[in-house]
């Protein structure tokens, strides 16, 4: 099951509200909060795509970059034991811990 919508390189979440009896979501990885909803899957997808089109147009008019910039850096919190194992693995392969984590993340995501 995939709970991510995709359209024109934009991604959107899919959630369900039992209280409101509707599907809803937001456009992901943008600086603004862009929400959409629908009573069924087809309506949700249509409203997501319409929201993307409107957001693209708004960004063009304002000269704003639509996508959030990722820095390529993040903090990862792990146990001291796992940190030590990573350091030992990196040392034994003459690599940095960053390269070990990078390689592991690439394998996990692929």
N, C-alpha and C. Protein backbone atom coordinates (compact mmCIF):
# COMPACT_ATOMS: atom_id res chain seq x y z
N UNK A 1 0.85 -1.18 0.00
CA UNK A 1 0.00 0.00 0.00
C UNK A 1 0.89 1.23 0.00
N UNK A 2 0.54 2.19 -0.82
CA UNK A 2 1.32 3.42 -0.94
C UNK A 2 0.42 4.59 -0.55
N UNK A 3 0.83 5.36 0.43
CA UNK A 3 0.03 6.48 0.90
C UNK A 3 0.63 7.82 0.51
N UNK A 4 1.26 7.85 -0.66
CA UNK A 4 1.85 9.08 -1.17
C UNK A 4 1.32 9.30 -2.58
N UNK A 5 0.81 10.49 -2.84
CA UNK A 5 0.40 10.87 -4.19
C UNK A 5 1.56 11.57 -4.87
N UNK A 6 1.67 11.40 -6.19
CA UNK A 6 2.73 12.06 -6.94
C UNK A 6 2.14 12.69 -8.20
N UNK A 7 2.59 13.94 -8.46
CA UNK A 7 2.12 14.67 -9.63
C UNK A 7 3.10 15.81 -9.90
N UNK A 8 3.66 15.84 -11.11
CA UNK A 8 4.61 16.88 -11.53
C UNK A 8 5.75 17.07 -10.52
N UNK A 9 6.33 15.98 -10.06
CA UNK A 9 7.43 15.96 -9.09
C UNK A 9 7.03 16.42 -7.69
N UNK A 10 5.76 16.63 -7.45
CA UNK A 10 5.28 16.97 -6.11
C UNK A 10 4.76 15.69 -5.46
N UNK A 11 4.88 15.62 -4.15
CA UNK A 11 4.38 14.49 -3.37
C UNK A 11 3.34 15.00 -2.40
N UNK A 12 2.35 14.17 -2.14
CA UNK A 12 1.31 14.55 -1.20
C UNK A 12 0.95 13.39 -0.30
N UNK A 13 0.60 13.70 0.92
CA UNK A 13 0.22 12.68 1.89
C UNK A 13 -1.24 12.28 1.69
N UNK A 14 -1.59 11.13 2.22
CA UNK A 14 -2.98 10.64 2.21
C UNK A 14 -3.33 10.23 3.63
N UNK A 15 -4.36 10.84 4.18
CA UNK A 15 -4.83 10.54 5.53
C UNK A 15 -6.33 10.33 5.49
N UNK A 16 -6.87 9.73 6.54
CA UNK A 16 -8.31 9.52 6.64
C UNK A 16 -8.81 10.10 7.95
N UNK A 17 -9.91 10.86 7.87
CA UNK A 17 -10.55 11.38 9.08
C UNK A 17 -11.87 10.65 9.26
N UNK A 18 -11.94 9.81 10.26
CA UNK A 18 -13.19 9.11 10.55
C UNK A 18 -14.24 10.10 11.03
N UNK A 19 -13.78 11.08 11.80
CA UNK A 19 -14.69 12.09 12.34
C UNK A 19 -15.40 12.86 11.23
N UNK A 20 -14.63 13.25 10.19
CA UNK A 20 -15.20 14.03 9.08
C UNK A 20 -15.60 13.16 7.90
N UNK A 21 -15.33 11.86 7.98
CA UNK A 21 -15.62 10.92 6.92
C UNK A 21 -15.07 11.38 5.56
N UNK A 22 -13.78 11.74 5.58
CA UNK A 22 -13.15 12.17 4.33
C UNK A 22 -11.68 11.82 4.32
N UNK A 23 -11.12 11.86 3.14
CA UNK A 23 -9.68 11.71 2.95
C UNK A 23 -9.10 13.11 2.88
N UNK A 24 -7.87 13.27 3.33
CA UNK A 24 -7.23 14.57 3.26
C UNK A 24 -5.73 14.39 3.19
N UNK A 25 -5.03 15.45 2.89
CA UNK A 25 -3.57 15.38 2.85
C UNK A 25 -2.98 16.76 2.69
N UNK A 26 -1.65 16.78 2.57
CA UNK A 26 -0.94 18.03 2.33
C UNK A 26 0.19 17.77 1.35
N UNK A 27 0.56 18.81 0.63
CA UNK A 27 1.70 18.71 -0.27
C UNK A 27 2.95 18.68 0.59
N UNK A 28 3.80 17.71 0.32
CA UNK A 28 5.02 17.51 1.11
C UNK A 28 6.21 18.22 0.49
N UNK A 29 7.16 18.56 1.31
CA UNK A 29 8.46 19.11 0.90
C UNK A 29 8.34 20.46 0.20
N UNK A 30 7.42 21.28 0.68
CA UNK A 30 7.31 22.68 0.24
C UNK A 30 7.32 23.54 1.49
N UNK A 31 7.65 24.82 1.32
CA UNK A 31 7.74 25.72 2.48
C UNK A 31 6.36 26.12 3.00
N UNK A 32 5.34 26.04 2.16
CA UNK A 32 3.99 26.47 2.53
C UNK A 32 3.13 25.27 2.95
N UNK A 33 2.03 25.56 3.64
CA UNK A 33 1.09 24.52 4.02
C UNK A 33 -0.03 24.51 2.99
N UNK A 34 -0.06 23.48 2.15
CA UNK A 34 -1.06 23.33 1.10
C UNK A 34 -1.84 22.06 1.40
N UNK A 35 -3.12 22.21 1.74
CA UNK A 35 -3.99 21.10 2.11
C UNK A 35 -4.99 20.81 1.01
N UNK A 36 -5.50 19.58 0.98
CA UNK A 36 -6.54 19.17 0.04
C UNK A 36 -7.33 18.05 0.71
N UNK A 37 -8.52 17.80 0.20
CA UNK A 37 -9.35 16.73 0.74
C UNK A 37 -10.27 16.19 -0.33
N UNK A 38 -10.92 15.09 -0.04
CA UNK A 38 -11.89 14.50 -0.96
C UNK A 38 -12.74 13.49 -0.24
N UNK A 39 -13.94 13.28 -0.76
CA UNK A 39 -14.85 12.29 -0.19
C UNK A 39 -14.50 10.87 -0.63
N UNK A 40 -13.74 10.75 -1.73
CA UNK A 40 -13.30 9.44 -2.21
C UNK A 40 -11.91 9.60 -2.83
N UNK A 41 -11.33 8.51 -3.25
CA UNK A 41 -9.96 8.53 -3.76
C UNK A 41 -9.86 9.39 -5.02
N UNK A 42 -10.79 9.24 -5.93
CA UNK A 42 -10.75 10.01 -7.18
C UNK A 42 -10.80 11.51 -6.90
N UNK A 43 -11.67 11.93 -5.99
CA UNK A 43 -11.79 13.35 -5.64
C UNK A 43 -10.52 13.84 -4.94
N UNK A 44 -9.95 13.00 -4.08
CA UNK A 44 -8.72 13.38 -3.39
C UNK A 44 -7.60 13.61 -4.40
N UNK A 45 -7.44 12.69 -5.34
CA UNK A 45 -6.38 12.82 -6.36
C UNK A 45 -6.61 14.06 -7.20
N UNK A 46 -7.83 14.29 -7.61
CA UNK A 46 -8.16 15.47 -8.41
C UNK A 46 -7.86 16.76 -7.65
N UNK A 47 -8.24 16.81 -6.39
CA UNK A 47 -7.99 18.01 -5.58
C UNK A 47 -6.51 18.20 -5.29
N UNK A 48 -5.78 17.10 -5.12
CA UNK A 48 -4.33 17.18 -4.95
C UNK A 48 -3.70 17.80 -6.20
N UNK A 49 -4.06 17.28 -7.37
CA UNK A 49 -3.49 17.79 -8.62
C UNK A 49 -3.87 19.25 -8.85
N UNK A 50 -5.09 19.61 -8.53
CA UNK A 50 -5.52 21.00 -8.64
C UNK A 50 -4.73 21.90 -7.69
N UNK A 51 -4.48 21.42 -6.48
CA UNK A 51 -3.69 22.18 -5.50
C UNK A 51 -2.27 22.38 -6.00
N UNK A 52 -1.69 21.34 -6.62
CA UNK A 52 -0.34 21.45 -7.18
C UNK A 52 -0.32 22.50 -8.27
N UNK A 53 -1.28 22.46 -9.18
CA UNK A 53 -1.34 23.42 -10.29
C UNK A 53 -1.46 24.85 -9.75
N UNK A 54 -2.32 25.06 -8.77
CA UNK A 54 -2.49 26.39 -8.18
C UNK A 54 -1.21 26.85 -7.48
N UNK A 55 -0.55 25.93 -6.79
CA UNK A 55 0.70 26.27 -6.10
C UNK A 55 1.79 26.63 -7.09
N UNK A 56 1.91 25.88 -8.17
CA UNK A 56 2.89 26.20 -9.21
C UNK A 56 2.63 27.60 -9.75
N UNK A 57 1.38 27.92 -10.03
CA UNK A 57 1.02 29.24 -10.57
C UNK A 57 1.32 30.34 -9.56
N UNK A 58 0.98 30.11 -8.30
CA UNK A 58 1.27 31.09 -7.24
C UNK A 58 2.78 31.35 -7.13
N UNK A 59 3.56 30.28 -7.22
CA UNK A 59 5.02 30.42 -7.13
C UNK A 59 5.58 31.19 -8.32
N UNK A 60 5.04 30.93 -9.51
CA UNK A 60 5.47 31.68 -10.70
C UNK A 60 5.18 33.17 -10.54
N UNK A 61 3.98 33.48 -10.07
CA UNK A 61 3.56 34.87 -9.92
C UNK A 61 4.40 35.61 -8.88
N UNK A 62 4.78 34.90 -7.82
CA UNK A 62 5.53 35.55 -6.74
C UNK A 62 7.05 35.40 -6.90
N UNK A 63 7.48 34.62 -7.90
CA UNK A 63 8.91 34.40 -8.09
C UNK A 63 9.53 33.50 -7.04
N UNK A 64 8.73 32.69 -6.44
CA UNK A 64 9.17 31.82 -5.34
C UNK A 64 9.52 30.42 -5.88
N UNK A 65 10.57 29.84 -5.31
CA UNK A 65 10.94 28.46 -5.63
C UNK A 65 9.93 27.53 -4.96
N UNK A 66 9.26 26.64 -5.72
CA UNK A 66 8.21 25.82 -5.11
C UNK A 66 8.68 24.74 -4.15
N UNK A 67 9.85 24.18 -4.38
CA UNK A 67 10.29 23.05 -3.57
C UNK A 67 11.17 23.48 -2.41
N UNK A 68 11.02 22.80 -1.30
CA UNK A 68 11.86 23.01 -0.12
C UNK A 68 13.28 22.58 -0.48
N UNK A 69 14.26 23.33 -0.04
CA UNK A 69 15.66 22.97 -0.24
C UNK A 69 16.11 22.03 0.86
N UNK A 70 16.77 20.97 0.47
CA UNK A 70 17.35 20.06 1.44
C UNK A 70 18.84 20.34 1.51
N UNK A 71 19.38 20.45 2.72
CA UNK A 71 20.79 20.79 2.92
C UNK A 71 21.72 19.60 2.69
N UNK A 72 21.21 18.40 2.87
CA UNK A 72 22.07 17.24 2.74
C UNK A 72 22.76 16.88 4.05
N UNK A 73 22.37 17.55 5.12
CA UNK A 73 22.90 17.21 6.44
C UNK A 73 21.73 16.92 7.37
N UNK A 74 21.95 15.99 8.29
CA UNK A 74 20.93 15.69 9.28
C UNK A 74 21.60 15.08 10.50
N UNK A 75 20.95 15.21 11.62
CA UNK A 75 21.44 14.61 12.86
C UNK A 75 20.77 13.26 13.03
N UNK A 76 21.55 12.25 13.34
CA UNK A 76 21.01 10.92 13.56
C UNK A 76 21.34 10.53 14.99
N UNK A 77 20.33 10.17 15.75
CA UNK A 77 20.54 9.77 17.13
C UNK A 77 20.48 8.26 17.22
N UNK A 78 21.56 7.68 17.71
CA UNK A 78 21.66 6.24 17.84
C UNK A 78 22.23 5.92 19.22
N UNK A 79 22.17 4.66 19.59
CA UNK A 79 22.71 4.25 20.89
C UNK A 79 24.23 4.33 20.87
N UNK A 80 24.83 4.50 22.04
CA UNK A 80 26.29 4.49 22.11
C UNK A 80 26.91 3.20 21.56
N UNK A 81 26.22 2.08 21.78
CA UNK A 81 26.74 0.80 21.29
C UNK A 81 26.76 0.76 19.76
N UNK A 82 25.68 1.22 19.13
CA UNK A 82 25.63 1.25 17.67
C UNK A 82 26.64 2.25 17.11
N UNK A 83 26.82 3.36 17.80
CA UNK A 83 27.82 4.36 17.39
C UNK A 83 29.21 3.72 17.40
N UNK A 84 29.51 2.98 18.44
CA UNK A 84 30.82 2.32 18.53
C UNK A 84 31.00 1.30 17.41
N UNK A 85 29.96 0.50 17.14
CA UNK A 85 30.03 -0.48 16.06
C UNK A 85 30.26 0.20 14.70
N UNK A 86 29.58 1.32 14.49
CA UNK A 86 29.75 2.07 13.24
C UNK A 86 31.17 2.61 13.13
N UNK A 87 31.69 3.11 14.24
CA UNK A 87 33.05 3.64 14.25
C UNK A 87 34.07 2.53 13.96
N UNK A 88 33.87 1.37 14.56
CA UNK A 88 34.76 0.24 14.32
C UNK A 88 34.69 -0.23 12.87
N UNK A 89 33.48 -0.32 12.34
CA UNK A 89 33.29 -0.72 10.93
C UNK A 89 33.97 0.28 10.01
N UNK A 90 33.76 1.55 10.27
CA UNK A 90 34.38 2.60 9.44
C UNK A 90 35.90 2.51 9.52
N UNK A 91 36.43 2.35 10.71
CA UNK A 91 37.87 2.27 10.90
C UNK A 91 38.45 1.05 10.17
N UNK A 92 37.76 -0.08 10.27
CA UNK A 92 38.27 -1.31 9.64
C UNK A 92 38.25 -1.21 8.11
N UNK A 93 37.36 -0.37 7.57
CA UNK A 93 37.28 -0.19 6.11
C UNK A 93 37.98 1.09 5.65
N UNK A 94 38.63 1.76 6.61
CA UNK A 94 39.31 3.03 6.32
C UNK A 94 38.37 4.04 5.66
N UNK A 95 37.20 4.15 6.26
CA UNK A 95 36.17 5.09 5.80
C UNK A 95 35.72 5.94 6.98
N UNK A 96 34.98 6.98 6.67
CA UNK A 96 34.39 7.79 7.73
C UNK A 96 33.06 7.18 8.15
N UNK A 97 32.61 7.53 9.34
CA UNK A 97 31.28 7.09 9.79
C UNK A 97 30.22 7.63 8.83
N UNK A 98 30.40 8.87 8.37
CA UNK A 98 29.44 9.43 7.42
C UNK A 98 29.30 8.55 6.19
N UNK A 99 30.41 8.07 5.64
CA UNK A 99 30.32 7.24 4.43
C UNK A 99 29.64 5.90 4.73
N UNK A 100 29.87 5.35 5.92
CA UNK A 100 29.21 4.10 6.31
C UNK A 100 27.69 4.32 6.39
N UNK A 101 27.28 5.41 7.03
CA UNK A 101 25.85 5.72 7.16
C UNK A 101 25.24 6.01 5.78
N UNK A 102 25.96 6.74 4.96
CA UNK A 102 25.50 7.05 3.60
C UNK A 102 25.25 5.76 2.82
N UNK A 103 26.21 4.84 2.85
CA UNK A 103 26.08 3.57 2.13
C UNK A 103 24.91 2.75 2.67
N UNK A 104 24.76 2.71 3.99
CA UNK A 104 23.66 1.95 4.59
C UNK A 104 22.30 2.55 4.19
N UNK A 105 22.20 3.86 4.20
CA UNK A 105 20.96 4.52 3.83
C UNK A 105 20.63 4.30 2.35
N UNK A 106 21.64 4.37 1.49
CA UNK A 106 21.42 4.09 0.08
C UNK A 106 20.89 2.68 -0.13
N UNK A 107 21.47 1.70 0.55
CA UNK A 107 21.01 0.31 0.42
C UNK A 107 19.60 0.17 0.94
N UNK A 108 19.27 0.84 2.04
CA UNK A 108 17.94 0.73 2.63
C UNK A 108 16.87 1.32 1.71
N UNK A 109 17.17 2.44 1.09
CA UNK A 109 16.19 3.15 0.25
C UNK A 109 16.04 2.51 -1.12
N UNK A 110 17.09 1.90 -1.64
CA UNK A 110 17.07 1.32 -2.99
C UNK A 110 16.08 0.20 -3.14
